[in-house]
Amino acid sequence: MGTLGPGKGATVSIPAHVARLRAVVGHDLLLLPSVSVLPVDQTGRLLLVRHAGHNDGWAVLGGAVEVGESPAEAAVRETREEIGIDVRLVRLLDVLGGPDYQVSYPNGDRTAYVTAVYEAAIIDGSPAVSDDELTDVAWFAPEQLPGLELSRFSRALLSATGYL
């Protein structure tokens, strides 16, 4: 795992295979498999996060699928790494991609994601920022979502999956 460190925006973990690709293509657009996780509590509230180095609003939890890892394994791993909880994946909601799922990172890297979207239930732990990739985590009731400042990726994803 490599990182983007000081002077390049927030510290973000980069899988080794992506770091090797970046060494060849630089900041050019890469197409990568990813997961998005939508933890939902017993009252129907949705857990969202704020990413360090991004000022585009609240976002869904998730990240890249690593070599040798299934999307479901990646969803569980990303949730544990980013907010320190264990989840049970309730169901696969959709697999999404296209222009709304392209992200530009503070260091200039551009990535187009194809993301497997999972609804999840917390089985252990209390959500909290647990790595340098996030700055905040919060629960939102369904009626709060339409007026919430959301990243383009997250607004498209929540619309496609019926949360907006």
C-alpha atoms as a PDB file:
ATOM      1  CA  MET A   1       0.000   0.000   0.000  1.00  0.00           C
ATOM      2  CA  GLY A   2       1.338   3.434  -0.910  1.00  0.00           C
ATOM      3  CA  THR A   3       0.086   6.776   0.327  1.00  0.00           C
ATOM      4  CA  LEU A   4      -0.397  10.285  -0.906  1.00  0.00           C
ATOM      5  CA  GLY A   5       1.170  12.369   1.792  1.00  0.00           C
ATOM      6  CA  PRO A   6       2.002  15.952   2.751  1.00  0.00           C
ATOM      7  CA  GLY A   7       1.899  18.446  -0.068  1.00  0.00           C
ATOM      8  CA  LYS A   8      -0.391  16.213  -2.106  1.00  0.00           C
ATOM      9  CA  GLY A   9      -3.611  16.604  -0.141  1.00  0.00           C
ATOM     10  CA  ALA A  10      -4.977  14.206   2.449  1.00  0.00           C
ATOM     11  CA  THR A  11      -3.191  10.978   3.222  1.00  0.00           C
ATOM     12  CA  VAL A  12      -4.944   8.339   1.125  1.00  0.00           C
ATOM     13  CA  SER A  13      -3.969   4.685   0.914  1.00  0.00           C
ATOM     14  CA  ILE A  14      -3.280   3.447  -2.592  1.00  0.00           C
ATOM     15  CA  PRO A  15      -3.224  -0.298  -3.344  1.00  0.00           C
ATOM     16  CA  ALA A  16       0.173  -1.427  -4.666  1.00  0.00           C
ATOM     17  CA  HIS A  17      -1.222  -2.365  -8.099  1.00  0.00           C
ATOM     18  CA  VAL A  18      -2.719   1.130  -8.497  1.00  0.00           C
ATOM     19  CA  ALA A  19       0.568   2.747  -7.428  1.00  0.00           C
ATOM     20  CA  ARG A  20       2.331   0.730 -10.171  1.00  0.00           C
ATOM     21  CA  LEU A  21      -0.245   1.888 -12.739  1.00  0.00           C
ATOM     22  CA  ARG A  22       0.100   5.497 -11.594  1.00  0.00           C
ATOM     23  CA  ALA A  23       3.886   5.261 -12.048  1.00  0.00           C
ATOM     24  CA  VAL A  24       3.212   4.603 -15.755  1.00  0.00           C
ATOM     25  CA  VAL A  25       0.131   6.737 -16.519  1.00  0.00           C
ATOM     26  CA  GLY A  26       0.608   9.583 -14.056  1.00  0.00           C
ATOM     27  CA  HIS A  27      -2.631  11.429 -13.258  1.00  0.00           C
ATOM     28  CA  ASP A  28      -4.493  10.139 -16.367  1.00  0.00           C
ATOM     29  CA  LEU A  29      -7.959   8.692 -15.897  1.00  0.00           C
ATOM     30  CA  LEU A  30      -7.996   5.085 -14.623  1.00  0.00           C
ATOM     31  CA  LEU A  31     -11.028   2.784 -14.569  1.00  0.00           C
ATOM     32  CA  LEU A  32     -11.121   0.873 -11.264  1.00  0.00           C
ATOM     33  CA  PRO A  33     -13.510  -1.498  -9.487  1.00  0.00           C
ATOM     34  CA  SER A  34     -14.787  -0.187  -6.156  1.00  0.00           C
ATOM     35  CA  VAL A  35     -17.403  -0.671  -3.477  1.00  0.00           C
ATOM     36  CA  SER A  36     -19.803   1.718  -1.797  1.00  0.00           C
ATOM     37  CA  VAL A  37     -21.328   0.830   1.556  1.00  0.00           C
ATOM     38  CA  LEU A  38     -24.576   2.272   2.897  1.00  0.00           C
ATOM     39  CA  PRO A  39     -24.881   1.453   6.615  1.00  0.00           C
ATOM     40  CA  VAL A  40     -28.504   1.842   7.692  1.00  0.00           C
ATOM     41  CA  ASP A  41     -29.617   1.780  11.346  1.00  0.00           C
ATOM     42  CA  GLN A  42     -32.832   0.365  12.876  1.00  0.00           C
ATOM     43  CA  THR A  43     -34.641   3.696  12.373  1.00  0.00           C
ATOM     44  CA  GLY A  44     -33.727   3.898   8.669  1.00  0.00           C
ATOM     45  CA  ARG A  45     -30.989   6.527   9.028  1.00  0.00           C
ATOM     46  CA  LEU A  46     -28.077   6.383   6.583  1.00  0.00           C
ATOM     47  CA  LEU A  47     -24.441   6.820   7.646  1.00  0.00           C
ATOM     48  CA  LEU A  48     -22.393   9.238   5.523  1.00  0.00           C
ATOM     49  CA  VAL A  49     -18.798  10.477   5.749  1.00  0.00           C
ATOM     50  CA  ARG A  50     -16.681  13.500   4.819  1.00  0.00           C
ATOM     51  CA  HIS A  51     -13.437  12.782   2.955  1.00  0.00           C
ATOM     52  CA  ALA A  52     -10.264  14.642   3.927  1.00  0.00           C
ATOM     53  CA  GLY A  53      -9.031  16.950   1.181  1.00  0.00           C
ATOM     54  CA  HIS A  54     -12.425  17.109  -0.536  1.00  0.00           C
ATOM     55  CA  ASN A  55     -14.766  20.050  -0.023  1.00  0.00           C
ATOM     56  CA  ASP A  56     -17.711  18.726  -1.995  1.00  0.00           C
ATOM     57  CA  GLY A  57     -19.987  17.619   0.840  1.00  0.00           C
ATOM     58  CA  TRP A  58     -21.014  14.382   2.462  1.00  0.00           C
ATOM     59  CA  ALA A  59     -20.172  11.105   0.768  1.00  0.00           C
ATOM     60  CA  VAL A  60     -20.875   7.406   0.900  1.00  0.00           C
ATOM     61  CA  LEU A  61     -18.384   5.060   2.502  1.00  0.00           C
ATOM     62  CA  GLY A  62     -16.222   2.897   0.277  1.00  0.00           C
ATOM     63  CA  GLY A  63     -13.067   2.372  -1.696  1.00  0.00           C
ATOM     64  CA  ALA A  64     -11.175   0.325  -4.234  1.00  0.00           C
ATOM     65  CA  VAL A  65     -11.351  -3.445  -4.539  1.00  0.00           C
ATOM     66  CA  GLU A  66      -7.863  -4.871  -4.081  1.00  0.00           C
ATOM     67  CA  VAL A  67      -6.277  -7.683  -6.128  1.00  0.00           C
ATOM     68  CA  GLY A  68      -7.530 -11.080  -4.928  1.00  0.00           C
ATOM     69  CA  GLU A  69     -10.436  -9.574  -2.988  1.00  0.00           C
ATOM     70  CA  SER A  70     -14.136  -9.963  -3.731  1.00  0.00           C
ATOM     71  CA  PRO A  71     -16.333  -6.846  -3.753  1.00  0.00           C
ATOM     72  CA  ALA A  72     -18.108  -8.104  -0.609  1.00  0.00           C
ATOM     73  CA  GLU A  73     -14.769  -8.569   1.178  1.00  0.00           C
ATOM     74  CA  ALA A  74     -13.706  -5.080   0.090  1.00  0.00           C
ATOM     75  CA  ALA A  75     -16.942  -3.585   1.447  1.00  0.00           C
ATOM     76  CA  VAL A  76     -16.413  -5.155   4.876  1.00  0.00           C
ATOM     77  CA  ARG A  77     -12.699  -4.191   4.918  1.00  0.00           C
ATOM     78  CA  GLU A  78     -13.272  -0.580   3.839  1.00  0.00           C
ATOM     79  CA  THR A  79     -15.955  -0.101   6.484  1.00  0.00           C
ATOM     80  CA  ARG A  80     -13.706  -1.472   9.226  1.00  0.00           C
ATOM     81  CA  GLU A  81     -10.695   0.593   8.080  1.00  0.00           C
ATOM     82  CA  GLU A  82     -12.525   3.880   7.629  1.00  0.00           C
ATOM     83  CA  ILE A  83     -15.002   3.966  10.524  1.00  0.00           C
ATOM     84  CA  GLY A  84     -13.932   1.136  12.827  1.00  0.00           C
ATOM     85  CA  ILE A  85     -17.069  -1.010  12.714  1.00  0.00           C
ATOM     86  CA  ASP A  86     -17.993  -4.487  11.558  1.00  0.00           C
ATOM     87  CA  VAL A  87     -20.953  -4.791   9.216  1.00  0.00           C
ATOM     88  CA  ARG A  88     -23.179  -7.480   7.786  1.00  0.00           C
ATOM     89  CA  LEU A  89     -23.878  -6.858   4.119  1.00  0.00           C
ATOM     90  CA  VAL A  90     -27.663  -6.942   3.800  1.00  0.00           C
ATOM     91  CA  ARG A  91     -27.910  -6.870   0.018  1.00  0.00           C
ATOM     92  CA  LEU A  92     -26.255  -5.769  -3.190  1.00  0.00           C
ATOM     93  CA  LEU A  93     -28.269  -2.750  -4.335  1.00  0.00           C
ATOM     94  CA  ASP A  94     -26.690  -2.023  -7.721  1.00  0.00           C
ATOM     95  CA  VAL A  95     -23.495  -1.821  -9.764  1.00  0.00           C
ATOM     96  CA  LEU A  96     -22.966   1.692 -11.088  1.00  0.00           C
ATOM     97  CA  GLY A  97     -20.551   3.598 -13.318  1.00  0.00           C
ATOM     98  CA  GLY A  98     -20.367   6.447 -15.794  1.00  0.00           C
ATOM     99  CA  PRO A  99     -19.443  10.144 -15.738  1.00  0.00           C
ATOM    100  CA  ASP A 100     -20.994  10.813 -12.311  1.00  0.00           C
ATOM    101  CA  TYR A 101     -18.652   8.241 -10.768  1.00  0.00           C
ATOM    102  CA  GLN A 102     -15.422   9.939 -11.847  1.00  0.00           C
ATOM    103  CA  VAL A 103     -13.354  11.449  -9.034  1.00  0.00           C
ATOM    104  CA  SER A 104     -10.465  13.925  -9.144  1.00  0.00           C
ATOM    105  CA  TYR A 105      -8.185  13.694  -6.116  1.00  0.00           C
ATOM    106  CA  PRO A 106      -6.298  16.578  -4.481  1.00  0.00           C
ATOM    107  CA  ASN A 107      -2.979  15.279  -5.890  1.00  0.00           C
ATOM    108  CA  GLY A 108      -4.369  15.399  -9.475  1.00  0.00           C
ATOM    109  CA  ASP A 109      -5.148  11.684  -9.914  1.00  0.00           C
ATOM    110  CA  ARG A 110      -8.352  11.020 -11.860  1.00  0.00           C
ATOM    111  CA  THR A 111     -10.322   7.814 -11.435  1.00  0.00           C
ATOM    112  CA  ALA A 112     -13.512   6.463 -13.023  1.00  0.00           C
ATOM    113  CA  TYR A 113     -15.109   3.939 -10.686  1.00  0.00           C
ATOM    114  CA  VAL A 114     -17.442   1.051 -11.360  1.00  0.00           C
ATOM    115  CA  THR A 115     -18.907   0.565  -7.896  1.00  0.00           C
ATOM    116  CA  ALA A 116     -20.796  -2.318  -6.318  1.00  0.00           C
ATOM    117  CA  VAL A 117     -23.239  -0.720  -3.855  1.00  0.00           C
ATOM    118  CA  TYR A 118     -24.124  -2.614  -0.674  1.00  0.00           C
ATOM    119  CA  GLU A 119     -26.669  -1.868   2.017  1.00  0.00           C
ATOM    120  CA  ALA A 120     -25.199  -2.862   5.396  1.00  0.00           C
ATOM    121  CA  ALA A 121     -26.152  -3.269   9.053  1.00  0.00           C
ATOM    122  CA  ILE A 122     -23.718  -2.618  11.902  1.00  0.00           C
ATOM    123  CA  ILE A 123     -22.988  -5.752  13.915  1.00  0.00           C
ATOM    124  CA  ASP A 124     -20.183  -4.438  16.142  1.00  0.00           C
ATOM    125  CA  GLY A 125     -18.736  -1.064  17.099  1.00  0.00           C
ATOM    126  CA  SER A 126     -19.698   2.593  17.029  1.00  0.00           C
ATOM    127  CA  PRO A 127     -18.988   4.565  13.846  1.00  0.00           C
ATOM    128  CA  ALA A 128     -16.113   7.030  14.211  1.00  0.00           C
ATOM    129  CA  VAL A 129     -13.369   8.412  11.986  1.00  0.00           C
ATOM    130  CA  SER A 130     -10.589   5.840  12.275  1.00  0.00           C
ATOM    131  CA  ASP A 131      -8.114   6.796   9.543  1.00  0.00           C
ATOM    132  CA  ASP A 132      -6.656   9.866   7.833  1.00  0.00           C
ATOM    133  CA  GLU A 133      -8.982   9.544   4.831  1.00  0.00           C
ATOM    134  CA  LEU A 134     -12.027  10.934   6.663  1.00  0.00           C
ATOM    135  CA  THR A 135     -12.814  14.013   8.736  1.00  0.00           C
ATOM    136  CA  ASP A 136     -16.370  13.295   9.903  1.00  0.00           C
ATOM    137  CA  VAL A 137     -19.102  10.664  10.074  1.00  0.00           C
ATOM    138  CA  ALA A 138     -22.824  11.222  10.787  1.00  0.00           C
ATOM    139  CA  TRP A 139     -26.267   9.640  10.555  1.00  0.00           C
ATOM    140  CA  PHE A 140     -28.972  11.215   8.361  1.00  0.00           C
ATOM    141  CA  ALA A 141     -32.696  10.511   8.262  1.00  0.00           C
ATOM    142  CA  PRO A 142     -34.165   9.925   4.779  1.00  0.00           C
ATOM    143  CA  GLU A 143     -35.958  13.285   4.853  1.00  0.00           C
ATOM    144  CA  GLN A 144     -32.628  15.100   5.438  1.00  0.00           C
ATOM    145  CA  LEU A 145     -30.935  13.690   2.341  1.00  0.00           C
ATOM    146  CA  PRO A 146     -32.504  15.836  -0.430  1.00  0.00           C
ATOM    147  CA  GLY A 147     -31.244  19.124   1.080  1.00  0.00           C
ATOM    148  CA  LEU A 148     -27.852  17.805   2.152  1.00  0.00           C
ATOM    149  CA  GLU A 149     -24.632  18.946   0.490  1.00  0.00           C
ATOM    150  CA  LEU A 150     -23.455  15.751  -1.249  1.00  0.00           C
ATOM    151  CA  SER A 151     -20.562  14.946  -3.554  1.00  0.00           C
ATOM    152  CA  ARG A 152     -21.560  14.394  -7.193  1.00  0.00           C
ATOM    153  CA  PHE A 153     -20.643  10.687  -6.885  1.00  0.00           C
ATOM    154  CA  SER A 154     -22.802  10.272  -3.769  1.00  0.00           C
ATOM    155  CA  ARG A 155     -25.784  12.231  -5.103  1.00  0.00           C
ATOM    156  CA  ALA A 156     -25.802  10.085  -8.264  1.00  0.00           C
ATOM    157  CA  LEU A 157     -25.421   6.876  -6.255  1.00  0.00           C
ATOM    158  CA  LEU A 158     -28.150   7.745  -3.746  1.00  0.00           C
ATOM    159  CA  SER A 159     -30.475   8.738  -6.591  1.00  0.00           C
ATOM    160  CA  ALA A 160     -29.788   5.536  -8.522  1.00  0.00           C
ATOM    161  CA  THR A 161     -30.434   3.368  -5.448  1.00  0.00           C
ATOM    162  CA  GLY A 162     -33.668   5.131  -4.428  1.00  0.00           C
ATOM    163  CA  TYR A 163     -32.409   6.971  -1.348  1.00  0.00           C
ATOM    164  CA  LEU A 164     -32.987  10.341  -3.076  1.00  0.00           C
END
